[in-house]
Amino acid sequence: MSQPTTIYLVRHGQTLWNIEKRFQGHSDSPLTETGRNQAIGAGQKLADRPISHAYASPSPRTMETARLVLGKRNLTITQEPRLREIYLGPLEGVTYDDALKSHPKAAKAFWERPHLFNVEGAENAQQVQTRVVESLGEIAKAHPGESLLVVSHGVAIKTALAWFMGHDISKLHEVALPENGSITTLTLSNGSWNVQR
């Protein structure tokens, strides 16, 4: 039996916009001190794991998180655009409260029935899931039997987990949003994926 491929999938640390309850999407907000500590904590949990390669969304908050998780490891972080957060179009940078006023149906769906989220100019959950799952599959295929760090975003990770756990996109609301700095372990063995939250 071949050695499984392991992906340590980490959500970026807390950002200022997380605290301010703003939609982030492709727009960026800096990590807070708590966010940096969350990333460092994730790195400490993975300190004894033999990580051979690191990938991250190009967003500054994920790149900084990846650097802090890696710590003193001498690894180059490969930027992977398909790992970016859902693109939210006109809602990017908008507070949740303001979004409920300007786009009430979409804002409510985003949190309660995310598979129904639909705003002109934005991505939907299915589009995000397709690109993130495709990316993770290609990353795993490129490094069979190795252990890898991948840093991404809450909704991006959540949609991928739904797929790996066999949930239809309509059940996306049943998949818990990963916490900032959390580690989800994905293993690929003999063509089958396993998820450890």
C-alpha atoms as a PDB file:
ATOM      1  CA  MET A   1       0.000   0.000   0.000  1.00  0.00           C
ATOM      2  CA  SER A   2       1.381   3.396  -0.975  1.00  0.00           C
ATOM      3  CA  GLN A   3       2.032   6.142   1.549  1.00  0.00           C
ATOM      4  CA  PRO A   4      -0.965   8.530   1.833  1.00  0.00           C
ATOM      5  CA  THR A   5      -0.661  12.135   0.736  1.00  0.00           C
ATOM      6  CA  THR A   6      -1.466  14.536   3.582  1.00  0.00           C
ATOM      7  CA  ILE A   7      -2.650  18.127   3.248  1.00  0.00           C
ATOM      8  CA  TYR A   8      -2.750  20.332   6.328  1.00  0.00           C
ATOM      9  CA  LEU A   9      -5.431  22.825   5.285  1.00  0.00           C
ATOM     10  CA  VAL A  10      -5.217  25.986   7.402  1.00  0.00           C
ATOM     11  CA  ARG A  11      -7.577  28.949   7.450  1.00  0.00           C
ATOM     12  CA  HIS A  12      -5.797  32.311   7.693  1.00  0.00           C
ATOM     13  CA  GLY A  13      -5.599  34.025  11.067  1.00  0.00           C
ATOM     14  CA  GLN A  14      -8.108  36.586  12.290  1.00  0.00           C
ATOM     15  CA  THR A  15      -8.146  39.881  10.378  1.00  0.00           C
ATOM     16  CA  LEU A  16      -9.328  43.381  11.190  1.00  0.00           C
ATOM     17  CA  TRP A  17     -12.338  42.896   8.904  1.00  0.00           C
ATOM     18  CA  ASN A  18     -13.232  39.678  10.718  1.00  0.00           C
ATOM     19  CA  ILE A  19     -13.549  41.790  13.871  1.00  0.00           C
ATOM     20  CA  GLU A  20     -15.421  44.573  12.070  1.00  0.00           C
ATOM     21  CA  LYS A  21     -17.771  41.973  10.535  1.00  0.00           C
ATOM     22  CA  ARG A  22     -17.056  42.966   6.949  1.00  0.00           C
ATOM     23  CA  PHE A  23     -17.251  40.785   3.871  1.00  0.00           C
ATOM     24  CA  GLN A  24     -13.681  40.212   2.647  1.00  0.00           C
ATOM     25  CA  GLY A  25     -13.660  38.070  -0.484  1.00  0.00           C
ATOM     26  CA  HIS A  26     -10.738  38.956  -2.756  1.00  0.00           C
ATOM     27  CA  SER A  27     -10.222  42.254  -0.928  1.00  0.00           C
ATOM     28  CA  ASP A  28      -7.775  42.145   1.930  1.00  0.00           C
ATOM     29  CA  SER A  29      -7.489  43.154   5.541  1.00  0.00           C
ATOM     30  CA  PRO A  30      -4.403  42.750   7.755  1.00  0.00           C
ATOM     31  CA  LEU A  31      -4.015  40.070  10.381  1.00  0.00           C
ATOM     32  CA  THR A  32      -4.626  41.205  13.927  1.00  0.00           C
ATOM     33  CA  GLU A  33      -2.256  40.323  16.745  1.00  0.00           C
ATOM     34  CA  THR A  34      -4.685  37.507  17.606  1.00  0.00           C
ATOM     35  CA  GLY A  35      -4.562  36.376  13.974  1.00  0.00           C
ATOM     36  CA  ARG A  36      -0.782  36.243  13.969  1.00  0.00           C
ATOM     37  CA  ASN A  37      -0.822  34.282  17.216  1.00  0.00           C
ATOM     38  CA  GLN A  38      -3.354  31.856  15.714  1.00  0.00           C
ATOM     39  CA  ALA A  39      -1.022  31.254  12.769  1.00  0.00           C
ATOM     40  CA  ILE A  40       1.969  30.766  15.058  1.00  0.00           C
ATOM     41  CA  GLY A  41      -0.111  28.348  17.142  1.00  0.00           C
ATOM     42  CA  ALA A  42      -0.993  26.334  14.038  1.00  0.00           C
ATOM     43  CA  GLY A  43       2.702  26.190  13.215  1.00  0.00           C
ATOM     44  CA  GLN A  44       3.481  24.876  16.687  1.00  0.00           C
ATOM     45  CA  LYS A  45       0.901  22.108  16.259  1.00  0.00           C
ATOM     46  CA  LEU A  46       2.541  21.115  12.987  1.00  0.00           C
ATOM     47  CA  ALA A  47       6.114  21.527  14.215  1.00  0.00           C
ATOM     48  CA  ASP A  48       6.854  17.801  14.188  1.00  0.00           C
ATOM     49  CA  ARG A  49       5.194  17.127  10.818  1.00  0.00           C
ATOM     50  CA  PRO A  50       7.518  16.668   7.823  1.00  0.00           C
ATOM     51  CA  ILE A  51       6.025  19.305   5.517  1.00  0.00           C
ATOM     52  CA  SER A  52       7.727  19.230   2.119  1.00  0.00           C
ATOM     53  CA  HIS A  53       5.840  21.938   0.181  1.00  0.00           C
ATOM     54  CA  ALA A  54       3.619  24.925   0.979  1.00  0.00           C
ATOM     55  CA  TYR A  55       0.818  26.498  -1.047  1.00  0.00           C
ATOM     56  CA  ALA A  56      -1.362  29.507  -0.279  1.00  0.00           C
ATOM     57  CA  SER A  57      -3.925  31.822  -1.773  1.00  0.00           C
ATOM     58  CA  PRO A  58      -2.167  34.972  -3.061  1.00  0.00           C
ATOM     59  CA  SER A  59      -4.077  37.190  -0.596  1.00  0.00           C
ATOM     60  CA  PRO A  60      -1.721  38.951   1.846  1.00  0.00           C
ATOM     61  CA  ARG A  61      -3.599  37.537   4.859  1.00  0.00           C
ATOM     62  CA  THR A  62      -3.045  33.949   3.696  1.00  0.00           C
ATOM     63  CA  MET A  63       0.553  34.517   2.646  1.00  0.00           C
ATOM     64  CA  GLU A  64       1.404  36.028   6.053  1.00  0.00           C
ATOM     65  CA  THR A  65      -0.400  33.170   7.791  1.00  0.00           C
ATOM     66  CA  ALA A  66       1.583  30.633   5.747  1.00  0.00           C
ATOM     67  CA  ARG A  67       4.893  32.318   6.627  1.00  0.00           C
ATOM     68  CA  LEU A  68       4.006  32.282  10.323  1.00  0.00           C
ATOM     69  CA  VAL A  69       2.883  28.641  10.214  1.00  0.00           C
ATOM     70  CA  LEU A  70       6.121  27.605   8.526  1.00  0.00           C
ATOM     71  CA  GLY A  71       8.258  29.545  10.999  1.00  0.00           C
ATOM     72  CA  LYS A  72      11.908  28.596  10.485  1.00  0.00           C
ATOM     73  CA  ARG A  73      11.237  25.993   7.800  1.00  0.00           C
ATOM     74  CA  ASN A  74      13.131  26.911   4.653  1.00  0.00           C
ATOM     75  CA  LEU A  75      10.246  26.417   2.221  1.00  0.00           C
ATOM     76  CA  THR A  76       9.041  28.563  -0.656  1.00  0.00           C
ATOM     77  CA  ILE A  77       5.311  29.320  -0.570  1.00  0.00           C
ATOM     78  CA  THR A  78       3.706  28.707  -3.950  1.00  0.00           C
ATOM     79  CA  GLN A  79       0.870  31.142  -4.644  1.00  0.00           C
ATOM     80  CA  GLU A  80      -2.218  29.347  -6.003  1.00  0.00           C
ATOM     81  CA  PRO A  81      -4.972  31.704  -7.239  1.00  0.00           C
ATOM     82  CA  ARG A  82      -7.642  28.976  -7.157  1.00  0.00           C
ATOM     83  CA  LEU A  83      -7.312  28.886  -3.348  1.00  0.00           C
ATOM     84  CA  ARG A  84      -8.606  32.464  -3.045  1.00  0.00           C
ATOM     85  CA  GLU A  85     -11.738  33.300  -1.107  1.00  0.00           C
ATOM     86  CA  ILE A  86     -15.122  33.595  -2.800  1.00  0.00           C
ATOM     87  CA  TYR A  87     -15.298  36.771  -4.865  1.00  0.00           C
ATOM     88  CA  LEU A  88     -18.129  38.892  -3.482  1.00  0.00           C
ATOM     89  CA  GLY A  89     -18.326  41.686  -6.038  1.00  0.00           C
ATOM     90  CA  PRO A  90     -20.260  44.702  -4.657  1.00  0.00           C
ATOM     91  CA  LEU A  91     -20.272  43.268  -1.120  1.00  0.00           C
ATOM     92  CA  GLU A  92     -16.486  43.315  -0.684  1.00  0.00           C
ATOM     93  CA  GLY A  93     -15.512  45.474   2.281  1.00  0.00           C
ATOM     94  CA  VAL A  94     -19.157  46.041   3.232  1.00  0.00           C
ATOM     95  CA  THR A  95     -20.266  45.424   6.822  1.00  0.00           C
ATOM     96  CA  TYR A  96     -22.770  42.626   7.394  1.00  0.00           C
ATOM     97  CA  ASP A  97     -25.338  45.144   8.646  1.00  0.00           C
ATOM     98  CA  ASP A  98     -24.977  47.369   5.575  1.00  0.00           C
ATOM     99  CA  ALA A  99     -25.134  44.340   3.276  1.00  0.00           C
ATOM    100  CA  LEU A 100     -28.469  43.373   4.846  1.00  0.00           C
ATOM    101  CA  LYS A 101     -29.762  46.798   3.793  1.00  0.00           C
ATOM    102  CA  SER A 102     -28.286  46.943   0.286  1.00  0.00           C
ATOM    103  CA  HIS A 103     -28.602  43.240  -0.674  1.00  0.00           C
ATOM    104  CA  PRO A 104     -30.940  41.727   1.961  1.00  0.00           C
ATOM    105  CA  LYS A 105     -31.743  38.490   0.148  1.00  0.00           C
ATOM    106  CA  ALA A 106     -28.135  37.724  -0.800  1.00  0.00           C
ATOM    107  CA  ALA A 107     -26.661  38.697   2.576  1.00  0.00           C
ATOM    108  CA  LYS A 108     -29.164  36.534   4.431  1.00  0.00           C
ATOM    109  CA  ALA A 109     -28.505  33.611   2.071  1.00  0.00           C
ATOM    110  CA  PHE A 110     -24.733  33.961   2.503  1.00  0.00           C
ATOM    111  CA  TRP A 111     -24.990  32.956   6.159  1.00  0.00           C
ATOM    112  CA  GLU A 112     -28.124  30.834   6.291  1.00  0.00           C
ATOM    113  CA  ARG A 113     -28.379  29.131   2.865  1.00  0.00           C
ATOM    114  CA  PRO A 114     -25.014  29.758   1.192  1.00  0.00           C
ATOM    115  CA  HIS A 115     -25.765  27.540  -1.800  1.00  0.00           C
ATOM    116  CA  LEU A 116     -28.429  30.132  -2.776  1.00  0.00           C
ATOM    117  CA  PHE A 117     -26.059  33.120  -2.528  1.00  0.00           C
ATOM    118  CA  ASN A 118     -26.261  34.999  -5.812  1.00  0.00           C
ATOM    119  CA  VAL A 119     -25.095  38.545  -6.506  1.00  0.00           C
ATOM    120  CA  GLU A 120     -24.403  39.932  -9.968  1.00  0.00           C
ATOM    121  CA  GLY A 121     -20.657  40.167 -10.488  1.00  0.00           C
ATOM    122  CA  ALA A 122     -19.840  37.770  -7.617  1.00  0.00           C
ATOM    123  CA  GLU A 123     -19.024  34.070  -7.502  1.00  0.00           C
ATOM    124  CA  ASN A 124     -21.391  31.462  -6.138  1.00  0.00           C
ATOM    125  CA  ALA A 125     -20.583  28.556  -3.834  1.00  0.00           C
ATOM    126  CA  GLN A 126     -20.503  25.989  -6.642  1.00  0.00           C
ATOM    127  CA  GLN A 127     -17.923  27.977  -8.603  1.00  0.00           C
ATOM    128  CA  VAL A 128     -15.695  28.307  -5.533  1.00  0.00           C
ATOM    129  CA  GLN A 129     -16.021  24.619  -4.704  1.00  0.00           C
ATOM    130  CA  THR A 130     -15.089  23.584  -8.239  1.00  0.00           C
ATOM    131  CA  ARG A 131     -11.871  25.608  -8.361  1.00  0.00           C
ATOM    132  CA  VAL A 132     -10.720  24.820  -4.815  1.00  0.00           C
ATOM    133  CA  VAL A 133     -11.320  21.059  -5.089  1.00  0.00           C
ATOM    134  CA  GLU A 134      -9.606  21.031  -8.492  1.00  0.00           C
ATOM    135  CA  SER A 135      -6.615  22.864  -7.031  1.00  0.00           C
ATOM    136  CA  LEU A 136      -6.279  20.584  -4.000  1.00  0.00           C
ATOM    137  CA  GLY A 137      -6.510  17.531  -6.230  1.00  0.00           C
ATOM    138  CA  GLU A 138      -3.730  18.797  -8.482  1.00  0.00           C
ATOM    139  CA  ILE A 139      -1.548  19.737  -5.492  1.00  0.00           C
ATOM    140  CA  ALA A 140      -1.953  16.255  -4.017  1.00  0.00           C
ATOM    141  CA  LYS A 141      -1.257  14.603  -7.372  1.00  0.00           C
ATOM    142  CA  ALA A 142       1.958  16.612  -7.761  1.00  0.00           C
ATOM    143  CA  HIS A 143       3.331  15.373  -4.413  1.00  0.00           C
ATOM    144  CA  PRO A 144       2.237  11.753  -3.864  1.00  0.00           C
ATOM    145  CA  GLY A 145       3.017  10.374  -0.412  1.00  0.00           C
ATOM    146  CA  GLU A 146       4.165  13.737   0.949  1.00  0.00           C
ATOM    147  CA  SER A 147       2.860  16.089   3.652  1.00  0.00           C
ATOM    148  CA  LEU A 148       1.854  19.550   2.466  1.00  0.00           C
ATOM    149  CA  LEU A 149       0.739  22.870   3.937  1.00  0.00           C
ATOM    150  CA  VAL A 150      -2.121  24.674   2.188  1.00  0.00           C
ATOM    151  CA  VAL A 151      -3.437  28.011   3.508  1.00  0.00           C
ATOM    152  CA  SER A 152      -6.785  29.312   2.298  1.00  0.00           C
ATOM    153  CA  HIS A 153      -9.990  31.010   3.459  1.00  0.00           C
ATOM    154  CA  GLY A 154     -13.153  30.165   5.382  1.00  0.00           C
ATOM    155  CA  VAL A 155     -15.712  29.818   2.601  1.00  0.00           C
ATOM    156  CA  ALA A 156     -13.167  28.347   0.174  1.00  0.00           C
ATOM    157  CA  ILE A 157     -12.270  25.636   2.702  1.00  0.00           C
ATOM    158  CA  LYS A 158     -15.892  25.076   3.703  1.00  0.00           C
ATOM    159  CA  THR A 159     -17.034  24.413   0.137  1.00  0.00           C
ATOM    160  CA  ALA A 160     -14.142  22.006  -0.414  1.00  0.00           C
ATOM    161  CA  LEU A 161     -14.894  20.136   2.807  1.00  0.00           C
ATOM    162  CA  ALA A 162     -18.496  19.687   1.708  1.00  0.00           C
ATOM    163  CA  TRP A 163     -17.248  17.965  -1.443  1.00  0.00           C
ATOM    164  CA  PHE A 164     -14.678  15.793   0.358  1.00  0.00           C
ATOM    165  CA  MET A 165     -17.284  14.788   2.960  1.00  0.00           C
ATOM    166  CA  GLY A 166     -19.790  13.862   0.263  1.00  0.00           C
ATOM    167  CA  HIS A 167     -22.300  16.636   1.057  1.00  0.00           C
ATOM    168  CA  ASP A 168     -24.356  18.134  -1.752  1.00  0.00           C
ATOM    169  CA  ILE A 169     -23.778  21.859  -2.194  1.00  0.00           C
ATOM    170  CA  SER A 170     -27.351  22.400  -0.964  1.00  0.00           C
ATOM    171  CA  LYS A 171     -26.181  21.043   2.425  1.00  0.00           C
ATOM    172  CA  LEU A 172     -23.327  23.522   2.664  1.00  0.00           C
ATOM    173  CA  HIS A 173     -24.954  25.195   5.680  1.00  0.00           C
ATOM    174  CA  GLU A 174     -24.423  21.917   7.580  1.00  0.00           C
ATOM    175  CA  VAL A 175     -20.634  22.197   7.263  1.00  0.00           C
ATOM    176  CA  ALA A 176     -19.173  24.314  10.064  1.00  0.00           C
ATOM    177  CA  LEU A 177     -17.132  27.331   8.986  1.00  0.00           C
ATOM    178  CA  PRO A 178     -13.508  26.618   9.980  1.00  0.00           C
ATOM    179  CA  GLU A 179     -12.215  28.905  12.713  1.00  0.00           C
ATOM    180  CA  ASN A 180      -9.382  31.320  12.007  1.00  0.00           C
ATOM    181  CA  GLY A 181      -6.070  29.493  12.328  1.00  0.00           C
ATOM    182  CA  SER A 182      -7.731  26.073  12.407  1.00  0.00           C
ATOM    183  CA  ILE A 183      -6.135  23.007  10.807  1.00  0.00           C
ATOM    184  CA  THR A 184      -8.133  20.483   8.810  1.00  0.00           C
ATOM    185  CA  THR A 185      -6.211  17.381   7.770  1.00  0.00           C
ATOM    186  CA  LEU A 186      -6.981  15.849   4.382  1.00  0.00           C
ATOM    187  CA  THR A 187      -5.448  12.522   3.431  1.00  0.00           C
ATOM    188  CA  LEU A 188      -5.539  10.963  -0.012  1.00  0.00           C
ATOM    189  CA  SER A 189      -4.916   7.221  -0.085  1.00  0.00           C
ATOM    190  CA  ASN A 190      -5.591   4.895  -3.009  1.00  0.00           C
ATOM    191  CA  GLY A 191      -7.845   7.471  -4.631  1.00  0.00           C
ATOM    192  CA  SER A 192      -9.982   8.108  -1.545  1.00  0.00           C
ATOM    193  CA  TRP A 193     -10.044  11.286   0.533  1.00  0.00           C
ATOM    194  CA  ASN A 194     -10.441  11.374   4.306  1.00  0.00           C
ATOM    195  CA  VAL A 195     -11.171  14.482   6.385  1.00  0.00           C
ATOM    196  CA  GLN A 196     -10.115  15.106   9.994  1.00  0.00           C
ATOM    197  CA  ARG A 197     -11.445  18.376  11.408  1.00  0.00           C
END
